[in-house]
Amino acid sequence: MAEDLVVLRGGSRDGESTNVPEGVRRLLAVSEAPGLLDVYEADGTTEHLPGNDDDALVLVHAGQQSAEGVAPELMHAPAAHDD
């Protein structure tokens, strides 16, 4: 399956990048706020990310929604950090 590289702008996941199935233009990410999801939507722009050959699609923070009723496999979980 083909994938697109995306970068998240705004919200609690600002600057994070990930690969998504080709054609995805809306992403739900676990928010820092309990019980909420950050909603990111494509804005039609791309951005170069160092270390990548292809530009990333930019997904901008469009707000938050309740996590109630959303299956966990449909959410983008943040990367684990070793602090």
C-alpha atoms as a PDB file:
ATOM      1  CA  MET A   1       0.000   0.000   0.000  1.00  0.00           C
ATOM      2  CA  ALA A   2       1.330   3.437  -0.935  1.00  0.00           C
ATOM      3  CA  GLU A   3       1.940   5.927   1.862  1.00  0.00           C
ATOM      4  CA  ASP A   4       2.248   9.693   2.218  1.00  0.00           C
ATOM      5  CA  LEU A   5       4.580  11.469   4.620  1.00  0.00           C
ATOM      6  CA  VAL A   6       2.719  14.093   6.680  1.00  0.00           C
ATOM      7  CA  VAL A   7       3.837  16.720   9.188  1.00  0.00           C
ATOM      8  CA  LEU A   8       1.520  18.042  11.895  1.00  0.00           C
ATOM      9  CA  ARG A   9       1.365  21.798  12.536  1.00  0.00           C
ATOM     10  CA  GLY A  10      -0.207  23.328  15.638  1.00  0.00           C
ATOM     11  CA  GLY A  11      -1.801  21.613  18.598  1.00  0.00           C
ATOM     12  CA  SER A  12      -0.002  19.316  21.013  1.00  0.00           C
ATOM     13  CA  ARG A  13       1.666  17.321  18.191  1.00  0.00           C
ATOM     14  CA  ASP A  14       3.222  20.322  16.403  1.00  0.00           C
ATOM     15  CA  GLY A  15       6.222  19.271  14.316  1.00  0.00           C
ATOM     16  CA  GLU A  16       5.636  15.530  14.510  1.00  0.00           C
ATOM     17  CA  SER A  17       5.738  13.594  11.249  1.00  0.00           C
ATOM     18  CA  THR A  18       4.405  10.183  10.307  1.00  0.00           C
ATOM     19  CA  ASN A  19       3.450   8.049   7.332  1.00  0.00           C
ATOM     20  CA  VAL A  20      -0.220   7.539   6.534  1.00  0.00           C
ATOM     21  CA  PRO A  21      -2.000   5.544   3.812  1.00  0.00           C
ATOM     22  CA  GLU A  22      -2.076   7.481   0.561  1.00  0.00           C
ATOM     23  CA  GLY A  23      -5.114   9.754   0.361  1.00  0.00           C
ATOM     24  CA  VAL A  24      -5.532  10.389   4.107  1.00  0.00           C
ATOM     25  CA  ARG A  25      -6.282  14.093   4.587  1.00  0.00           C
ATOM     26  CA  ARG A  26      -7.623  14.061   8.161  1.00  0.00           C
ATOM     27  CA  LEU A  27      -5.859  12.632  11.188  1.00  0.00           C
ATOM     28  CA  LEU A  28      -6.962  12.127  14.793  1.00  0.00           C
ATOM     29  CA  ALA A  29      -4.116  12.251  17.318  1.00  0.00           C
ATOM     30  CA  VAL A  30      -4.179  11.561  21.043  1.00  0.00           C
ATOM     31  CA  SER A  31      -4.265  14.946  22.780  1.00  0.00           C
ATOM     32  CA  GLU A  32      -2.481  15.982  25.940  1.00  0.00           C
ATOM     33  CA  ALA A  33      -5.949  16.835  27.274  1.00  0.00           C
ATOM     34  CA  PRO A  34      -7.596  13.774  28.846  1.00  0.00           C
ATOM     35  CA  GLY A  35     -10.456  12.338  26.820  1.00  0.00           C
ATOM     36  CA  LEU A  36      -9.841  14.521  23.769  1.00  0.00           C
ATOM     37  CA  LEU A  37      -8.321  14.029  20.341  1.00  0.00           C
ATOM     38  CA  ASP A  38      -6.480  16.653  18.307  1.00  0.00           C
ATOM     39  CA  VAL A  39      -7.937  16.903  14.798  1.00  0.00           C
ATOM     40  CA  TYR A  40      -5.523  17.675  11.941  1.00  0.00           C
ATOM     41  CA  GLU A  41      -6.627  18.399   8.376  1.00  0.00           C
ATOM     42  CA  ALA A  42      -4.668  18.873   5.150  1.00  0.00           C
ATOM     43  CA  ASP A  43      -4.289  22.498   4.079  1.00  0.00           C
ATOM     44  CA  GLY A  44      -3.100  21.769   0.550  1.00  0.00           C
ATOM     45  CA  THR A  45       0.542  22.654   1.175  1.00  0.00           C
ATOM     46  CA  THR A  46       3.731  20.619   1.422  1.00  0.00           C
ATOM     47  CA  GLU A  47       6.924  21.124   3.402  1.00  0.00           C
ATOM     48  CA  HIS A  48      10.429  19.713   3.078  1.00  0.00           C
ATOM     49  CA  LEU A  49      11.550  17.713   6.112  1.00  0.00           C
ATOM     50  CA  PRO A  50      15.289  17.124   6.498  1.00  0.00           C
ATOM     51  CA  GLY A  51      16.332  13.550   5.779  1.00  0.00           C
ATOM     52  CA  ASN A  52      13.442  12.856   3.394  1.00  0.00           C
ATOM     53  CA  ASP A  53      13.508  12.801  -0.397  1.00  0.00           C
ATOM     54  CA  ASP A  54       9.829  13.687  -0.809  1.00  0.00           C
ATOM     55  CA  ASP A  55       8.033  16.686   0.660  1.00  0.00           C
ATOM     56  CA  ALA A  56       5.556  16.076   3.477  1.00  0.00           C
ATOM     57  CA  LEU A  57       1.898  17.018   3.271  1.00  0.00           C
ATOM     58  CA  VAL A  58       1.036  19.588   5.932  1.00  0.00           C
ATOM     59  CA  LEU A  59      -1.855  18.772   8.269  1.00  0.00           C
ATOM     60  CA  VAL A  60      -2.898  21.732  10.435  1.00  0.00           C
ATOM     61  CA  HIS A  61      -4.588  21.634  13.824  1.00  0.00           C
ATOM     62  CA  ALA A  62      -8.307  22.134  13.197  1.00  0.00           C
ATOM     63  CA  GLY A  63      -9.555  21.682  16.762  1.00  0.00           C
ATOM     64  CA  GLN A  64     -10.366  18.916  19.214  1.00  0.00           C
ATOM     65  CA  GLN A  65     -13.080  16.321  19.583  1.00  0.00           C
ATOM     66  CA  SER A  66     -14.086  13.832  22.219  1.00  0.00           C
ATOM     67  CA  ALA A  67     -12.318  10.472  22.089  1.00  0.00           C
ATOM     68  CA  GLU A  68     -15.559   8.776  23.159  1.00  0.00           C
ATOM     69  CA  GLY A  69     -16.628   6.183  20.626  1.00  0.00           C
ATOM     70  CA  VAL A  70     -13.474   6.414  18.498  1.00  0.00           C
ATOM     71  CA  ALA A  71     -11.702   3.061  18.076  1.00  0.00           C
ATOM     72  CA  PRO A  72      -8.082   3.211  19.308  1.00  0.00           C
ATOM     73  CA  GLU A  73      -6.759   1.848  16.003  1.00  0.00           C
ATOM     74  CA  LEU A  74      -8.133   4.951  14.255  1.00  0.00           C
ATOM     75  CA  MET A  75      -5.953   7.308  16.333  1.00  0.00           C
ATOM     76  CA  HIS A  76      -2.365   8.413  15.777  1.00  0.00           C
ATOM     77  CA  ALA A  77      -0.506   7.751  19.014  1.00  0.00           C
ATOM     78  CA  PRO A  78       2.477   9.941  19.881  1.00  0.00           C
ATOM     79  CA  ALA A  79       5.963   8.483  19.624  1.00  0.00           C
ATOM     80  CA  ALA A  80       7.433   7.218  22.873  1.00  0.00           C
ATOM     81  CA  HIS A  81      10.116   9.494  24.351  1.00  0.00           C
ATOM     82  CA  ASP A  82      12.955   8.463  26.617  1.00  0.00           C
ATOM     83  CA  ASP A  83      13.154  11.424  28.985  1.00  0.00           C
END
